Amino acid sequence: MITRRQGVRVDEDDALAVTVGLLLLIGGVLLLQGWLGTWPAFGIAAGTVVGGYYVPGITRWVTVRWAVREVIRRSR
């Protein structure tokens, strides 16, 4: 079933995936806090979230640069 919230289509599978991801993140942070302490756990969790946000864009940028170099190199 697909529902609408604030003009955005939300599939139940997408909502379930986000919920499970958040539960895993929270559980992982709590385990890390118990093993390593507060600040290392925060750093690892924040790094994971920031990395998940930026890595696809960086990967795309590197791939495009590599492809442009290959085209230039082969055109010589």
Protein backbone atom coordinates (compact mmCIF):
# COMPACT_ATOMS: atom_id res chain seq x y z
CA MET A 1 0.00 0.00 0.00
CA ILE A 2 1.26 3.47 -0.86
CA THR A 3 0.31 6.43 1.28
CA ARG A 4 0.80 10.18 0.77
CA ARG A 5 2.37 12.45 3.36
CA GLN A 6 2.97 16.10 2.58
CA GLY A 7 2.94 15.44 -1.15
CA VAL A 8 5.57 12.67 -1.03
CA ARG A 9 4.75 9.06 -1.83
CA VAL A 10 5.77 6.76 1.01
CA ASP A 11 5.81 3.04 0.37
CA GLU A 12 5.44 0.77 3.39
CA ASP A 13 8.61 -1.08 2.40
CA ASP A 14 10.55 2.20 2.39
CA ALA A 15 9.17 3.12 5.79
CA LEU A 16 10.09 -0.32 7.14
CA ALA A 17 13.62 -0.02 5.74
CA VAL A 18 14.12 3.37 7.39
CA THR A 19 12.74 2.08 10.69
CA VAL A 20 15.01 -0.97 10.72
CA GLY A 21 18.00 1.17 9.74
CA LEU A 22 17.36 3.59 12.57
CA LEU A 23 16.94 0.76 15.07
CA LEU A 24 20.23 -0.78 13.95
CA LEU A 25 21.98 2.58 14.17
CA ILE A 26 20.64 3.28 17.66
CA GLY A 27 21.44 -0.25 18.86
CA GLY A 28 24.93 -0.04 17.37
CA VAL A 29 25.57 3.29 19.08
CA LEU A 30 24.44 1.92 22.43
CA LEU A 31 26.71 -1.12 22.07
CA LEU A 32 29.65 1.04 21.01
CA GLN A 33 29.04 3.40 23.92
CA GLY A 34 29.23 0.50 26.33
CA TRP A 35 32.42 -0.86 24.74
CA LEU A 36 34.34 2.29 23.78
CA GLY A 37 32.79 5.25 25.57
CA THR A 38 30.58 8.15 24.57
CA TRP A 39 32.77 10.18 22.20
CA PRO A 40 34.18 7.30 20.11
CA ALA A 41 30.65 5.92 19.74
CA PHE A 42 29.38 9.34 18.64
CA GLY A 43 32.27 9.75 16.20
CA ILE A 44 31.74 6.36 14.61
CA ALA A 45 27.97 6.84 14.31
CA ALA A 46 28.27 10.39 12.97
CA GLY A 47 30.98 9.31 10.55
CA THR A 48 28.75 6.53 9.26
CA VAL A 49 25.83 8.88 8.69
CA VAL A 50 27.95 11.59 7.05
CA GLY A 51 29.76 9.00 4.96
CA GLY A 52 26.48 7.51 3.79
CA TYR A 53 25.40 10.97 2.71
CA TYR A 54 28.58 12.05 0.91
CA VAL A 55 30.07 8.81 -0.50
CA PRO A 56 27.66 8.42 -3.46
CA GLY A 57 28.38 11.97 -4.67
CA ILE A 58 32.14 11.59 -4.23
CA THR A 59 32.09 8.23 -6.01
CA ARG A 60 30.18 9.74 -8.92
CA TRP A 61 32.63 12.67 -9.11
CA VAL A 62 35.67 10.36 -9.12
CA THR A 63 34.09 8.10 -11.75
CA VAL A 64 33.34 11.02 -14.06
CA ARG A 65 36.89 12.35 -13.69
CA TRP A 66 38.31 8.91 -14.47
CA ALA A 67 36.06 8.55 -17.53
CA VAL A 68 37.05 11.99 -18.84
CA ARG A 69 40.74 11.13 -18.44
CA GLU A 70 40.23 7.88 -20.31
CA VAL A 71 38.46 9.65 -23.17
CA ILE A 72 41.21 12.26 -23.40
CA ARG A 73 43.94 9.62 -23.23
CA ARG A 74 42.35 7.48 -25.95
CA SER A 75 41.67 10.43 -28.22
CA ARG A 76 45.38 11.27 -28.50
